[in-house]
């Protein structure tokens, strides 16, 4: 019966919908931004300034825009064949680990998520003030967005999907995004802005009562949830030392969504046992974490050409995974180049190149944080027309991220330790000194390394992701 209690304590976990990052952070905040791989910290000209550099917001003409973005994910993780002799044997219920043959899902490769569509809406208003601007930017999923759930980065995942998952991509591009900002023109050459991104914070308490321990399908359940807001602040400056030359800097604070709380489980028949009445489960998850960053860039006009360059520092060393565990990721610096050519008075052609290195070290030990360095390419254009004295612009873009192939092989340590908190090497799920509880004799099958880690003995990751979009904006 106590096993049933533990089983119930594991399976009756009520978790609110998980939130993940938006495509704004991955592909850009507008059609112009995406067609220049996001190299706009020194040259935002629309509502995209709310994300790329709030310091440039005050220079933006009052604008309203709406667009659709379509995403295609062809990333892939291929698992290498498992050698014989490492599976966890079936010890007839006496073992400390679930045997390999009882895993609910077969070990399998990972392919990209289904295609999805996002709607992006932006607006900039002066509110009647000459040197002041207020801006809003929203990215909202309209098809196949905002998946729910999380995963474990180690051998525990074999009890769930039994697959590996992209840690910093995948579901990171499928969430809503809401941001706001204000900007002020300090001088003719210098402008300043302050902005904020919004995410919910959820605290949940779930009270569970089980009348019949042998009937775990019927429970009395009371769900209580409280939701609050979390803000990630941003600040930016835009400086124009001479006509046609712009310098920009933008800093963004870290932003995370937290799910905290727990479950309180009571089972009839255990009222007199203070250790099991009730059973309390603690919940502390981080479905989404975006690190603090600092971006600097320069943009210059050369006749009909505009060249923009940007470097971005991201503090991934502070990253916490979905289980709210600290990681050993490294800080990274990425680079982007964007180019504009004014083909005619009403048509502009754009392109871009970028490189984003992975902050994730080689996963040769226990964990399976999958991430790849990316090569970014983009192409787009805009076409303007005059309607009733105002400018209406139609813009389109395509952007492709090539995930540079990464080949990972697990390293079996000379001294194999049992799986537990703080163990970073590939670990043993079946201790070598395990003994039969009935006879007290050693169990021969426990010798050596037994692991169901989905990433063992290794894996290869790569593929590509693409986005395409169409946007209509009106300057009023």
Foldseek 3Di string as FASTA:
>chain_A
DVVLLVVLQVPPWDFPFFFAAACCVVQNQDLQCNQQSNLDQFPDAFLSCLPNFQQCLLVHFWKKKKKKKKKDFFWKKFFDDFDPQFFADCPPPQFPDDGPVPAPEDQGMDGADHMWMKMKIKTWDQVPPNFKIKMKIKIGTDGRARHGDFAFFFQVRSNPHNYFDAFCDRNNHGGMWIKIKMKGDPDPFKIKMKMKIKDKEKEKEKEWEAEDSVDSVDIDIDIDMDIDMDIKMKMKMWGDPDPFKIKIKMKIAKDWYWYWYWYWYAYPPCVPPPPVNPDIDTAIFTSYIFFIKMKIKMWGDDPQKIKIKMKMKGQCQQDAGGSRHHDRFHIDIKIKMKMWGPPDPFKIKIKMKIKAQGRDDALQFGGRNDAFIKIKIKIKMKGWDADPNWIKIKIKMKMKIWGPKDWHFHDDDPDAAADDPPDTGHHAPGAQQDADPVPRHGDVSSPDHHGSISQPRHMMITTMMMMIMMMMMIRD
